[in-house]
């Protein structure tokens, strides 16, 4: 029994310029895609040696929801002073007064105004009516 072996024929459609063209195309693509040497522009803060100076305050007082809080602060160079407050659920007003002077860090004093109110609990539950 004889087995027919395929004959070695050269590929009739093979062109030697195909791989060379692909190689040249890849090199050109990489050359075009490389980053261009444009100097980066720096958008730093101009005049950062000028000492900071500002004042602000805000507050929220909404009677229907019971929200009452606010904040105020002022700064001149390295010296910062301010306070913030909040009306606590127990009826007291908590106030934090703080200072920051150069390297001293954040120094706060917490005070409470008013007395805590703890009303007696009254259940709002009412049993469903019973029908007989």
Foldseek 3Di string as FASTA:
>chain_A
DDDDDDDDDDDPPDDPCVVVVVVVVVVVVVVVPDDDPDDDDDDDDPPPVQFDWDWDKDWDQDVVVRWTKMKIKTDDGQKIWIKIWTQDPQGKIKMKTWIGHPPPPIDIDIDIDDDGHDDDDDDPDDDDDDDD
